[in-house]
Amino acid sequence: MKKFVIVFVALLFLAACKQSAGTAGGAGAATPVPPAPTSAEAVAKSHPGLFPARVDGKYGYINKNGEMVIEPKYPRAFRFSDGLAVVLDPKLKRFGYINEKGDYAIEPQFEGADMFSEGYAAVLVKGKVGCIDKTGKLVVPAKFDRIFRFSEGMAGAVVSQEVVQTRAYTGGFINTKGEFVIPALFDGVTPFSEGLAGVHRFAKPWSYIDKTGNDVIPPQFEAADVFSEGLAAVQGGEKARYRWGYIDRKGRLVIPYTYHRARFFSDGLAPVQPDPGGKWGFIDQKGKMVLPPEYDDADEFWGGLAMVAKGPKAGYIGKDGKFVWGPK
């Protein structure tokens, strides 16, 4: 569960969407692929209230009460999004998409697959990445080295080329037709969120651009995450001891550079790790520690629950910090 965010070196797509089953692998400051944050309202509309959970090495889905409603049978399983969830079929060893009844809505056929976002999902076909719609039709040709989730009508996409016997990766943003609308000029990007996207240009600090590709918040960060609920986690440089804090959409630091690692806000809370090798807790938007650091790892809240890890086990907690499923 990043040095952040998405740096295009030795890229590997295979089901590289945020793995929320089995470990509390969060998006913010520590995973290579941040999802586009989803508002509580949007989650309520598209999330069936089911969560991936592992039992004896296999994944099924529980409801908010911790009751298993889709039997554990998948080697890998991911969050529901847009009403569908990615699973790895145990017999075919291919990824497909199930509905909330556990039936395949899109048959297992992909070498790798990501969650749906805005009606599209990135899939791996013969070593290249394209996007399907919810019927399973390939609507963005599989010609990219990587495509991240669509957010606000665009998705980060990576292409590669040989440069002096070395493969170089660059990323930009495509539309739903697979056309670059912001050229592939970056070696790191975050998804667009709240009108802004973090980008990294070669040999420069991270900045935030608008949908025209122009810098809105100038280059100044060691690393950067997506905006969510008006704030974005950013990593300061040497003067900030490479700690993480949070900025608003004007680039103002509103929560100081305090944390060793930090993730995005959801349901008013964000997971943070105050010290290297220390425990994770949850802060509110004023920087107050609401749920004390007692977890070995912690994910953002999603559909009212957050996955956390304690020792070798992972489970789900509510906003009161009590386990709904998992370690007691």
C-alpha atoms as a PDB file:
ATOM      1  CA  MET A   1       0.000   0.000   0.000  1.00  0.00           C
ATOM      2  CA  LYS A   2       4.658   5.137  -3.569  1.00  0.00           C
ATOM      3  CA  LYS A   3       8.060   7.347  -3.959  1.00  0.00           C
ATOM      4  CA  PHE A   4       4.615   8.537  -5.366  1.00  0.00           C
ATOM      5  CA  VAL A   5       2.723   8.838  -7.779  1.00  0.00           C
ATOM      6  CA  ILE A   6       2.890   7.159 -11.104  1.00  0.00           C
ATOM      7  CA  VAL A   7       6.381   7.118 -12.546  1.00  0.00           C
ATOM      8  CA  PHE A   8       6.599   5.375 -15.878  1.00  0.00           C
ATOM      9  CA  VAL A   9       9.542   3.022 -15.378  1.00  0.00           C
ATOM     10  CA  ALA A  10       9.271  -0.776 -15.582  1.00  0.00           C
ATOM     11  CA  LEU A  11       5.490  -0.465 -15.830  1.00  0.00           C
ATOM     12  CA  LEU A  12       3.412  -3.554 -15.253  1.00  0.00           C
ATOM     13  CA  PHE A  13      -0.348  -3.517 -15.684  1.00  0.00           C
ATOM     14  CA  LEU A  14      -1.552  -6.956 -14.667  1.00  0.00           C
ATOM     15  CA  ALA A  15      -4.554  -6.155 -12.499  1.00  0.00           C
ATOM     16  CA  ALA A  16      -2.618  -3.226 -11.154  1.00  0.00           C
ATOM     17  CA  CYS A  17      -5.699  -1.437 -10.002  1.00  0.00           C
ATOM     18  CA  LYS A  18      -5.721  -0.790  -6.309  1.00  0.00           C
ATOM     19  CA  GLN A  19      -5.831  -4.178  -4.648  1.00  0.00           C
ATOM     20  CA  SER A  20      -8.331  -3.697  -1.884  1.00  0.00           C
ATOM     21  CA  ALA A  21      -8.799  -7.336  -1.032  1.00  0.00           C
ATOM     22  CA  GLY A  22      -6.342  -9.053   1.245  1.00  0.00           C
ATOM     23  CA  THR A  23      -4.153  -6.141   2.231  1.00  0.00           C
ATOM     24  CA  ALA A  24      -5.062  -2.604   3.058  1.00  0.00           C
ATOM     25  CA  GLY A  25      -3.302  -1.271   0.028  1.00  0.00           C
ATOM     26  CA  GLY A  26      -4.293   2.373  -0.051  1.00  0.00           C
ATOM     27  CA  ALA A  27      -4.005   4.814  -2.898  1.00  0.00           C
ATOM     28  CA  GLY A  28      -2.578   7.884  -1.353  1.00  0.00           C
ATOM     29  CA  ALA A  29       1.062   8.010  -0.618  1.00  0.00           C
ATOM     30  CA  ALA A  30       2.066   4.445  -1.032  1.00  0.00           C
ATOM     31  CA  THR A  31       0.590   2.684  -4.053  1.00  0.00           C
ATOM     32  CA  PRO A  32       1.710   3.095  -7.646  1.00  0.00           C
ATOM     33  CA  VAL A  33      -1.810   3.674  -8.970  1.00  0.00           C
ATOM     34  CA  PRO A  34      -4.073   6.190  -7.247  1.00  0.00           C
ATOM     35  CA  PRO A  35      -7.758   5.862  -8.038  1.00  0.00           C
ATOM     36  CA  ALA A  36      -9.855   8.887  -8.796  1.00  0.00           C
ATOM     37  CA  PRO A  37     -11.523   9.757  -5.491  1.00  0.00           C
ATOM     38  CA  THR A  38     -15.262   9.227  -5.547  1.00  0.00           C
ATOM     39  CA  SER A  39     -17.701  11.345  -3.590  1.00  0.00           C
ATOM     40  CA  ALA A  40     -19.889   9.674  -0.981  1.00  0.00           C
ATOM     41  CA  GLU A  41     -22.899  10.450  -3.151  1.00  0.00           C
ATOM     42  CA  ALA A  42     -21.327   8.836  -6.214  1.00  0.00           C
ATOM     43  CA  VAL A  43     -20.329   5.768  -4.202  1.00  0.00           C
ATOM     44  CA  ALA A  44     -23.872   5.421  -2.885  1.00  0.00           C
ATOM     45  CA  LYS A  45     -25.208   5.393  -6.441  1.00  0.00           C
ATOM     46  CA  SER A  46     -22.760   2.881  -7.899  1.00  0.00           C
ATOM     47  CA  HIS A  47     -21.598   0.778  -4.935  1.00  0.00           C
ATOM     48  CA  PRO A  48     -23.848  -2.164  -4.000  1.00  0.00           C
ATOM     49  CA  GLY A  49     -22.515  -2.207  -0.446  1.00  0.00           C
ATOM     50  CA  LEU A  50     -20.302  -5.232  -1.016  1.00  0.00           C
ATOM     51  CA  PHE A  51     -16.643  -5.486  -0.059  1.00  0.00           C
ATOM     52  CA  PRO A  52     -13.945  -8.016  -1.043  1.00  0.00           C
ATOM     53  CA  ALA A  53     -12.844 -10.216   1.830  1.00  0.00           C
ATOM     54  CA  ARG A  54     -10.375 -13.115   2.047  1.00  0.00           C
ATOM     55  CA  VAL A  55     -11.071 -16.397   3.780  1.00  0.00           C
ATOM     56  CA  ASP A  56      -8.514 -19.226   3.657  1.00  0.00           C
ATOM     57  CA  GLY A  57      -6.697 -17.607   0.741  1.00  0.00           C
ATOM     58  CA  LYS A  58      -9.782 -17.069  -1.423  1.00  0.00           C
ATOM     59  CA  TYR A  59     -11.853 -13.938  -1.918  1.00  0.00           C
ATOM     60  CA  GLY A  60     -15.562 -13.399  -1.663  1.00  0.00           C
ATOM     61  CA  TYR A  61     -17.701 -10.386  -0.769  1.00  0.00           C
ATOM     62  CA  ILE A  62     -19.243  -9.273   2.504  1.00  0.00           C
ATOM     63  CA  ASN A  63     -21.966  -6.702   3.117  1.00  0.00           C
ATOM     64  CA  LYS A  64     -21.758  -3.756   5.522  1.00  0.00           C
ATOM     65  CA  ASN A  65     -22.717  -6.004   8.400  1.00  0.00           C
ATOM     66  CA  GLY A  66     -19.782  -8.315   7.766  1.00  0.00           C
ATOM     67  CA  GLU A  67     -21.953 -11.109   6.378  1.00  0.00           C
ATOM     68  CA  MET A  68     -20.514 -13.142   3.478  1.00  0.00           C
ATOM     69  CA  VAL A  69     -22.916 -12.790   0.550  1.00  0.00           C
ATOM     70  CA  ILE A  70     -20.718 -13.973  -2.365  1.00  0.00           C
ATOM     71  CA  GLU A  71     -18.818 -17.109  -1.435  1.00  0.00           C
ATOM     72  CA  PRO A  72     -15.012 -16.982  -1.299  1.00  0.00           C
ATOM     73  CA  LYS A  73     -13.784 -18.666  -4.484  1.00  0.00           C
ATOM     74  CA  TYR A  74     -11.634 -16.157  -6.362  1.00  0.00           C
ATOM     75  CA  PRO A  75      -7.828 -16.018  -6.236  1.00  0.00           C
ATOM     76  CA  ARG A  76      -8.119 -12.227  -6.544  1.00  0.00           C
ATOM     77  CA  ALA A  77     -11.041  -9.840  -6.193  1.00  0.00           C
ATOM     78  CA  PHE A  78     -11.398  -6.067  -6.266  1.00  0.00           C
ATOM     79  CA  ARG A  79     -13.816  -3.370  -5.224  1.00  0.00           C
ATOM     80  CA  PHE A  80     -17.152  -2.817  -6.856  1.00  0.00           C
ATOM     81  CA  SER A  81     -17.331   0.276  -9.029  1.00  0.00           C
ATOM     82  CA  ASP A  82     -20.088   1.280 -11.451  1.00  0.00           C
ATOM     83  CA  GLY A  83     -21.933  -1.796 -10.200  1.00  0.00           C
ATOM     84  CA  LEU A  84     -19.281  -4.328 -11.292  1.00  0.00           C
ATOM     85  CA  ALA A  85     -16.196  -5.869  -9.698  1.00  0.00           C
ATOM     86  CA  VAL A  86     -13.042  -7.360 -11.209  1.00  0.00           C
ATOM     87  CA  VAL A  87     -12.299 -10.960 -10.228  1.00  0.00           C
ATOM     88  CA  LEU A  88      -9.754 -13.541 -11.322  1.00  0.00           C
ATOM     89  CA  ASP A  89     -11.508 -16.700 -12.455  1.00  0.00           C
ATOM     90  CA  PRO A  90     -10.000 -19.697 -10.618  1.00  0.00           C
ATOM     91  CA  LYS A  91     -10.262 -22.059 -13.596  1.00  0.00           C
ATOM     92  CA  LEU A  92      -9.651 -19.826 -16.614  1.00  0.00           C
ATOM     93  CA  LYS A  93      -6.956 -17.721 -14.892  1.00  0.00           C
ATOM     94  CA  ARG A  94      -8.389 -14.673 -16.663  1.00  0.00           C
ATOM     95  CA  PHE A  95     -10.019 -11.541 -15.287  1.00  0.00           C
ATOM     96  CA  GLY A  96     -13.707 -10.788 -15.730  1.00  0.00           C
ATOM     97  CA  TYR A  97     -16.416  -8.692 -14.077  1.00  0.00           C
ATOM     98  CA  ILE A  98     -19.185  -9.884 -11.772  1.00  0.00           C
ATOM     99  CA  ASN A  99     -22.395  -8.163 -10.698  1.00  0.00           C
ATOM    100  CA  GLU A 100     -23.673  -7.926  -7.133  1.00  0.00           C
ATOM    101  CA  LYS A 101     -25.274 -11.372  -7.418  1.00  0.00           C
ATOM    102  CA  GLY A 102     -21.891 -12.904  -8.176  1.00  0.00           C
ATOM    103  CA  ASP A 103     -22.784 -13.657 -11.806  1.00  0.00           C
ATOM    104  CA  TYR A 104     -20.426 -12.746 -14.628  1.00  0.00           C
ATOM    105  CA  ALA A 105     -21.552  -9.582 -16.407  1.00  0.00           C
ATOM    106  CA  ILE A 106     -18.393  -9.684 -18.557  1.00  0.00           C
ATOM    107  CA  GLU A 107     -16.860 -13.129 -19.019  1.00  0.00           C
ATOM    108  CA  PRO A 108     -13.265 -13.790 -17.885  1.00  0.00           C
ATOM    109  CA  GLN A 109     -11.046 -13.117 -20.893  1.00  0.00           C
ATOM    110  CA  PHE A 110      -8.485 -10.488 -19.969  1.00  0.00           C
ATOM    111  CA  GLU A 111      -4.851 -10.837 -18.941  1.00  0.00           C
ATOM    112  CA  GLY A 112      -5.316  -7.880 -16.603  1.00  0.00           C
ATOM    113  CA  ALA A 113      -8.207  -5.606 -15.695  1.00  0.00           C
ATOM    114  CA  ASP A 114      -8.947  -2.465 -13.723  1.00  0.00           C
ATOM    115  CA  MET A 115     -12.075  -1.175 -12.019  1.00  0.00           C
ATOM    116  CA  PHE A 116     -14.769   0.644 -13.987  1.00  0.00           C
ATOM    117  CA  SER A 117     -14.878   4.405 -13.782  1.00  0.00           C
ATOM    118  CA  GLU A 118     -17.289   6.629 -15.713  1.00  0.00           C
ATOM    119  CA  GLY A 119     -18.436   3.583 -17.677  1.00  0.00           C
ATOM    120  CA  TYR A 120     -14.984   2.473 -18.878  1.00  0.00           C
ATOM    121  CA  ALA A 121     -12.376   0.042 -17.604  1.00  0.00           C
ATOM    122  CA  ALA A 122      -8.784  -0.557 -18.695  1.00  0.00           C
ATOM    123  CA  VAL A 123      -7.954  -4.120 -19.728  1.00  0.00           C
ATOM    124  CA  LEU A 124      -4.830  -5.938 -20.860  1.00  0.00           C
ATOM    125  CA  VAL A 125      -5.121  -7.647 -24.247  1.00  0.00           C
ATOM    126  CA  LYS A 126      -2.117  -9.407 -25.805  1.00  0.00           C
ATOM    127  CA  GLY A 127       0.307  -7.316 -23.808  1.00  0.00           C
ATOM    128  CA  LYS A 128      -1.252  -3.918 -24.572  1.00  0.00           C
ATOM    129  CA  VAL A 129      -3.888  -1.886 -22.751  1.00  0.00           C
ATOM    130  CA  GLY A 130      -7.203  -0.548 -24.037  1.00  0.00           C
ATOM    131  CA  CYS A 131     -10.610   0.173 -22.508  1.00  0.00           C
ATOM    132  CA  ILE A 132     -13.913  -1.660 -22.552  1.00  0.00           C
ATOM    133  CA  ASP A 133     -17.431  -0.393 -21.923  1.00  0.00           C
ATOM    134  CA  LYS A 134     -19.887  -2.147 -19.611  1.00  0.00           C
ATOM    135  CA  THR A 135     -20.932  -4.553 -22.360  1.00  0.00           C
ATOM    136  CA  GLY A 136     -17.328  -5.778 -22.571  1.00  0.00           C
ATOM    137  CA  LYS A 137     -16.775  -4.163 -25.978  1.00  0.00           C
ATOM    138  CA  LEU A 138     -13.271  -2.784 -26.592  1.00  0.00           C
ATOM    139  CA  VAL A 139     -13.934   0.896 -27.267  1.00  0.00           C
ATOM    140  CA  VAL A 140     -10.418   2.274 -26.796  1.00  0.00           C
ATOM    141  CA  PRO A 141      -7.926   0.259 -28.871  1.00  0.00           C
ATOM    142  CA  ALA A 142      -5.413  -1.867 -26.966  1.00  0.00           C
ATOM    143  CA  LYS A 143      -2.348   0.098 -28.075  1.00  0.00           C
ATOM    144  CA  PHE A 144      -1.145   1.726 -24.865  1.00  0.00           C
ATOM    145  CA  ASP A 145       1.401   0.565 -22.322  1.00  0.00           C
ATOM    146  CA  ARG A 146      -0.936   1.638 -19.553  1.00  0.00           C
ATOM    147  CA  ILE A 147      -4.232   3.435 -19.040  1.00  0.00           C
ATOM    148  CA  PHE A 148      -5.412   4.689 -15.679  1.00  0.00           C
ATOM    149  CA  ARG A 149      -9.018   5.205 -14.644  1.00  0.00           C
ATOM    150  CA  PHE A 150     -11.223   7.719 -16.381  1.00  0.00           C
ATOM    151  CA  SER A 151     -12.023  10.735 -14.272  1.00  0.00           C
ATOM    152  CA  GLU A 152     -13.758  13.901 -15.442  1.00  0.00           C
ATOM    153  CA  GLY A 153     -13.801  12.608 -19.008  1.00  0.00           C
ATOM    154  CA  MET A 154     -10.092  11.856 -19.297  1.00  0.00           C
ATOM    155  CA  ALA A 155      -7.661   9.132 -18.341  1.00  0.00           C
ATOM    156  CA  GLY A 156      -3.909   9.136 -17.907  1.00  0.00           C
ATOM    157  CA  ALA A 157      -2.273   6.981 -20.577  1.00  0.00           C
ATOM    158  CA  VAL A 158       1.288   5.824 -21.148  1.00  0.00           C
ATOM    159  CA  VAL A 159       3.134   5.144 -24.383  1.00  0.00           C
ATOM    160  CA  SER A 160       6.693   3.981 -24.873  1.00  0.00           C
ATOM    161  CA  GLN A 161       9.406   4.299 -27.475  1.00  0.00           C
ATOM    162  CA  GLU A 162      12.986   3.210 -27.957  1.00  0.00           C
ATOM    163  CA  VAL A 163      15.500   5.928 -27.113  1.00  0.00           C
ATOM    164  CA  VAL A 164      19.167   5.004 -27.535  1.00  0.00           C
ATOM    165  CA  GLN A 165      18.527   1.311 -26.891  1.00  0.00           C
ATOM    166  CA  THR A 166      16.433   2.176 -23.837  1.00  0.00           C
ATOM    167  CA  ARG A 167      12.652   2.069 -23.589  1.00  0.00           C
ATOM    168  CA  ALA A 168      11.320   5.446 -22.442  1.00  0.00           C
ATOM    169  CA  TYR A 169       7.795   5.894 -21.070  1.00  0.00           C
ATOM    170  CA  THR A 170       5.810   9.116 -21.265  1.00  0.00           C
ATOM    171  CA  GLY A 171       2.251   9.859 -20.210  1.00  0.00           C
ATOM    172  CA  GLY A 172      -0.522  12.287 -21.027  1.00  0.00           C
ATOM    173  CA  PHE A 173      -4.310  12.253 -20.992  1.00  0.00           C
ATOM    174  CA  ILE A 174      -6.700  10.641 -23.475  1.00  0.00           C
ATOM    175  CA  ASN A 175     -10.421  11.015 -24.131  1.00  0.00           C
ATOM    176  CA  THR A 176     -12.893   8.161 -24.408  1.00  0.00           C
ATOM    177  CA  LYS A 177     -11.899   7.642 -28.050  1.00  0.00           C
ATOM    178  CA  GLY A 178      -8.288   6.995 -27.079  1.00  0.00           C
ATOM    179  CA  GLU A 179      -7.084  10.331 -28.480  1.00  0.00           C
ATOM    180  CA  PHE A 180      -4.506  12.360 -26.568  1.00  0.00           C
ATOM    181  CA  VAL A 181      -6.115  15.635 -25.511  1.00  0.00           C
ATOM    182  CA  ILE A 182      -3.137  16.559 -23.332  1.00  0.00           C
ATOM    183  CA  PRO A 183       0.072  15.328 -25.014  1.00  0.00           C
ATOM    184  CA  ALA A 184       2.274  12.615 -23.527  1.00  0.00           C
ATOM    185  CA  LEU A 185       4.898  14.954 -22.098  1.00  0.00           C
ATOM    186  CA  PHE A 186       5.097  13.720 -18.506  1.00  0.00           C
ATOM    187  CA  ASP A 187       6.882  10.965 -16.651  1.00  0.00           C
ATOM    188  CA  GLY A 188       4.262  10.907 -13.882  1.00  0.00           C
ATOM    189  CA  VAL A 189       0.595  11.860 -13.524  1.00  0.00           C
ATOM    190  CA  THR A 190      -2.368  11.551 -11.171  1.00  0.00           C
ATOM    191  CA  PRO A 191      -5.972  11.287 -12.378  1.00  0.00           C
ATOM    192  CA  PHE A 192      -7.941  14.501 -12.809  1.00  0.00           C
ATOM    193  CA  SER A 193     -10.004  15.306  -9.761  1.00  0.00           C
ATOM    194  CA  GLU A 194     -11.829  18.515  -8.925  1.00  0.00           C
ATOM    195  CA  GLY A 195     -10.528  19.944 -12.200  1.00  0.00           C
ATOM    196  CA  LEU A 196      -6.833  19.406 -11.489  1.00  0.00           C
ATOM    197  CA  ALA A 197      -4.248  16.680 -12.076  1.00  0.00           C
ATOM    198  CA  GLY A 198      -0.788  16.287 -10.620  1.00  0.00           C
ATOM    199  CA  VAL A 199       1.995  15.943 -13.188  1.00  0.00           C
ATOM    200  CA  HIS A 200       5.731  15.392 -13.117  1.00  0.00           C
ATOM    201  CA  ARG A 201       7.978  16.693 -15.876  1.00  0.00           C
ATOM    202  CA  PHE A 202      11.479  15.332 -16.266  1.00  0.00           C
ATOM    203  CA  ALA A 203      13.907  16.865 -13.736  1.00  0.00           C
ATOM    204  CA  LYS A 204      11.231  19.179 -12.271  1.00  0.00           C
ATOM    205  CA  PRO A 205       9.091  19.044  -9.108  1.00  0.00           C
ATOM    206  CA  TRP A 206       5.448  17.983  -9.241  1.00  0.00           C
ATOM    207  CA  SER A 207       2.826  20.557 -10.165  1.00  0.00           C
ATOM    208  CA  TYR A 208      -0.924  20.598 -10.874  1.00  0.00           C
ATOM    209  CA  ILE A 209      -2.413  21.321 -14.298  1.00  0.00           C
ATOM    210  CA  ASP A 210      -5.906  22.171 -15.483  1.00  0.00           C
ATOM    211  CA  LYS A 211      -7.683  20.516 -18.415  1.00  0.00           C
ATOM    212  CA  THR A 212      -5.872  22.743 -20.905  1.00  0.00           C
ATOM    213  CA  GLY A 213      -2.565  21.288 -19.710  1.00  0.00           C
ATOM    214  CA  ASN A 214      -1.411  24.535 -18.106  1.00  0.00           C
ATOM    215  CA  ASP A 215       0.081  24.724 -14.623  1.00  0.00           C
ATOM    216  CA  VAL A 216      -2.377  26.071 -12.054  1.00  0.00           C
ATOM    217  CA  ILE A 217      -0.285  25.215  -9.001  1.00  0.00           C
ATOM    218  CA  PRO A 218       3.378  25.656  -9.980  1.00  0.00           C
ATOM    219  CA  PRO A 219       6.083  22.967  -9.687  1.00  0.00           C
ATOM    220  CA  GLN A 220       7.161  22.713  -6.050  1.00  0.00           C
ATOM    221  CA  PHE A 221       6.369  19.275  -4.641  1.00  0.00           C
ATOM    222  CA  GLU A 222       8.494  16.188  -4.214  1.00  0.00           C
ATOM    223  CA  ALA A 223       5.350  14.112  -4.861  1.00  0.00           C
ATOM    224  CA  ALA A 224       1.632  14.735  -5.281  1.00  0.00           C
ATOM    225  CA  ASP A 225      -1.690  12.935  -4.915  1.00  0.00           C
ATOM    226  CA  VAL A 226      -5.221  13.487  -6.220  1.00  0.00           C
ATOM    227  CA  PHE A 227      -7.565  16.163  -4.909  1.00  0.00           C
ATOM    228  CA  SER A 228     -10.460  14.875  -2.862  1.00  0.00           C
ATOM    229  CA  GLU A 229     -12.952  16.828  -0.774  1.00  0.00           C
ATOM    230  CA  GLY A 230     -11.012  19.994  -1.586  1.00  0.00           C
ATOM    231  CA  LEU A 231      -7.600  18.810  -0.406  1.00  0.00           C
ATOM    232  CA  ALA A 232      -4.637  16.922  -1.885  1.00  0.00           C
ATOM    233  CA  ALA A 233      -1.780  15.176  -0.113  1.00  0.00           C
ATOM    234  CA  VAL A 234       1.611  16.499  -1.211  1.00  0.00           C
ATOM    235  CA  GLN A 235       5.167  15.709  -0.181  1.00  0.00           C
ATOM    236  CA  GLY A 236       7.487  18.554   0.645  1.00  0.00           C
ATOM    237  CA  GLY A 237      11.149  18.699  -0.223  1.00  0.00           C
ATOM    238  CA  GLU A 238      14.287  18.848   1.873  1.00  0.00           C
ATOM    239  CA  LYS A 239      13.115  21.809   3.992  1.00  0.00           C
ATOM    240  CA  ALA A 240       9.987  19.850   4.901  1.00  0.00           C
ATOM    241  CA  ARG A 241      12.098  16.762   5.669  1.00  0.00           C
ATOM    242  CA  TYR A 242      10.223  15.068   2.819  1.00  0.00           C
ATOM    243  CA  ARG A 243       7.118  14.880   4.970  1.00  0.00           C
ATOM    244  CA  TRP A 244       3.536  14.909   3.676  1.00  0.00           C
ATOM    245  CA  GLY A 245       0.865  17.548   4.241  1.00  0.00           C
ATOM    246  CA  TYR A 246      -2.276  18.749   2.460  1.00  0.00           C
ATOM    247  CA  ILE A 247      -2.929  21.691   0.147  1.00  0.00           C
ATOM    248  CA  ASP A 248      -6.161  23.284  -1.051  1.00  0.00           C
ATOM    249  CA  ARG A 249      -7.007  23.945  -4.701  1.00  0.00           C
ATOM    250  CA  LYS A 250      -5.136  27.256  -4.589  1.00  0.00           C
ATOM    251  CA  GLY A 251      -1.951  25.489  -3.561  1.00  0.00           C
ATOM    252  CA  ARG A 252      -2.036  26.739   0.025  1.00  0.00           C
ATOM    253  CA  LEU A 253      -0.670  24.367   2.659  1.00  0.00           C
ATOM    254  CA  VAL A 254      -3.610  23.873   5.042  1.00  0.00           C
ATOM    255  CA  ILE A 255      -2.353  20.821   6.951  1.00  0.00           C
ATOM    256  CA  PRO A 256       1.404  21.114   7.649  1.00  0.00           C
ATOM    257  CA  TYR A 257       4.088  18.734   6.430  1.00  0.00           C
ATOM    258  CA  THR A 258       3.681  16.380   9.382  1.00  0.00           C
ATOM    259  CA  TYR A 259       3.321  12.825   8.126  1.00  0.00           C
ATOM    260  CA  HIS A 260       5.670  10.168   6.853  1.00  0.00           C
ATOM    261  CA  ARG A 261       2.918   8.987   4.492  1.00  0.00           C
ATOM    262  CA  ALA A 262      -0.574  10.244   3.730  1.00  0.00           C
ATOM    263  CA  ARG A 263      -3.547   9.298   1.550  1.00  0.00           C
ATOM    264  CA  PHE A 264      -6.565  11.096   0.194  1.00  0.00           C
ATOM    265  CA  PHE A 265      -9.706  12.183   2.035  1.00  0.00           C
ATOM    266  CA  SER A 266     -12.935  10.214   1.809  1.00  0.00           C
ATOM    267  CA  ASP A 267     -15.989  10.563   4.036  1.00  0.00           C
ATOM    268  CA  GLY A 268     -14.143  13.407   5.772  1.00  0.00           C
ATOM    269  CA  LEU A 269     -11.193  11.274   6.903  1.00  0.00           C
ATOM    270  CA  ALA A 270      -7.752  10.432   5.502  1.00  0.00           C
ATOM    271  CA  PRO A 271      -5.325   7.662   6.519  1.00  0.00           C
ATOM    272  CA  VAL A 272      -1.920   8.932   7.670  1.00  0.00           C
ATOM    273  CA  GLN A 273       1.261   7.386   9.029  1.00  0.00           C
ATOM    274  CA  PRO A 274       2.936   9.893  11.375  1.00  0.00           C
ATOM    275  CA  ASP A 275       6.303   8.159  11.648  1.00  0.00           C
ATOM    276  CA  PRO A 276       8.450   5.816   9.521  1.00  0.00           C
ATOM    277  CA  GLY A 277       7.585   2.239  10.332  1.00  0.00           C
ATOM    278  CA  GLY A 278       4.847   3.433  12.687  1.00  0.00           C
ATOM    279  CA  LYS A 279       1.142   2.793  12.872  1.00  0.00           C
ATOM    280  CA  TRP A 280      -1.595   4.340  10.725  1.00  0.00           C
ATOM    281  CA  GLY A 281      -4.511   6.452  11.939  1.00  0.00           C
ATOM    282  CA  PHE A 282      -7.146   8.747  10.426  1.00  0.00           C
ATOM    283  CA  ILE A 283      -7.268  12.551  10.504  1.00  0.00           C
ATOM    284  CA  ASP A 284     -10.071  14.988   9.727  1.00  0.00           C
ATOM    285  CA  GLN A 285      -9.744  17.981   7.398  1.00  0.00           C
ATOM    286  CA  LYS A 286      -8.334  20.140  10.187  1.00  0.00           C
ATOM    287  CA  GLY A 287      -5.527  17.671  10.780  1.00  0.00           C
ATOM    288  CA  LYS A 288      -7.005  16.332  14.025  1.00  0.00           C
ATOM    289  CA  MET A 289      -6.320  12.639  14.664  1.00  0.00           C
ATOM    290  CA  VAL A 290      -9.820  11.186  14.873  1.00  0.00           C
ATOM    291  CA  LEU A 291      -8.943   7.486  14.861  1.00  0.00           C
ATOM    292  CA  PRO A 292      -5.624   6.950  16.696  1.00  0.00           C
ATOM    293  CA  PRO A 293      -2.603   5.315  14.994  1.00  0.00           C
ATOM    294  CA  GLU A 294      -3.066   1.635  15.799  1.00  0.00           C
ATOM    295  CA  TYR A 295      -3.137  -0.030  12.384  1.00  0.00           C
ATOM    296  CA  ASP A 296      -0.250  -1.563  10.482  1.00  0.00           C
ATOM    297  CA  ASP A 297      -1.806  -0.249   7.283  1.00  0.00           C
ATOM    298  CA  ALA A 298      -4.988   1.586   6.366  1.00  0.00           C
ATOM    299  CA  ASP A 299      -7.048   2.262   3.262  1.00  0.00           C
ATOM    300  CA  GLU A 300      -9.427   5.120   2.553  1.00  0.00           C
ATOM    301  CA  PHE A 301     -13.108   4.838   3.422  1.00  0.00           C
ATOM    302  CA  TRP A 302     -15.217   3.463   0.593  1.00  0.00           C
ATOM    303  CA  GLY A 303     -18.951   2.932   0.890  1.00  0.00           C
ATOM    304  CA  GLY A 304     -18.789   3.607   4.626  1.00  0.00           C
ATOM    305  CA  LEU A 305     -16.019   1.132   5.487  1.00  0.00           C
ATOM    306  CA  ALA A 306     -12.224   1.242   5.404  1.00  0.00           C
ATOM    307  CA  MET A 307      -9.885  -1.730   5.154  1.00  0.00           C
ATOM    308  CA  VAL A 308      -7.144  -1.808   7.757  1.00  0.00           C
ATOM    309  CA  ALA A 309      -4.459  -4.302   8.692  1.00  0.00           C
ATOM    310  CA  LYS A 310      -3.442  -5.464  12.141  1.00  0.00           C
ATOM    311  CA  GLY A 311      -0.586  -7.893  12.103  1.00  0.00           C
ATOM    312  CA  PRO A 312      -0.998 -10.506   9.376  1.00  0.00           C
ATOM    313  CA  LYS A 313      -4.767  -9.984   9.135  1.00  0.00           C
ATOM    314  CA  ALA A 314      -6.889  -7.370   7.394  1.00  0.00           C
ATOM    315  CA  GLY A 315     -10.461  -6.331   8.110  1.00  0.00           C
ATOM    316  CA  TYR A 316     -12.979  -3.525   7.736  1.00  0.00           C
ATOM    317  CA  ILE A 317     -13.805  -0.786  10.210  1.00  0.00           C
ATOM    318  CA  GLY A 318     -16.565   1.804  10.326  1.00  0.00           C
ATOM    319  CA  LYS A 319     -15.967   5.492  11.019  1.00  0.00           C
ATOM    320  CA  ASP A 320     -16.175   4.744  14.725  1.00  0.00           C
ATOM    321  CA  GLY A 321     -13.035   2.619  14.373  1.00  0.00           C
ATOM    322  CA  LYS A 322     -14.825  -0.600  15.331  1.00  0.00           C
ATOM    323  CA  PHE A 323     -14.324  -3.728  13.249  1.00  0.00           C
ATOM    324  CA  VAL A 324     -17.270  -4.813  11.157  1.00  0.00           C
ATOM    325  CA  TRP A 325     -15.372  -7.805   9.793  1.00  0.00           C
ATOM    326  CA  GLY A 326     -11.972  -9.245  10.546  1.00  0.00           C
ATOM    327  CA  PRO A 327      -9.695  -8.939  13.598  1.00  0.00           C
ATOM    328  CA  LYS A 328     -11.522  -8.220  16.847  1.00  0.00           C
END
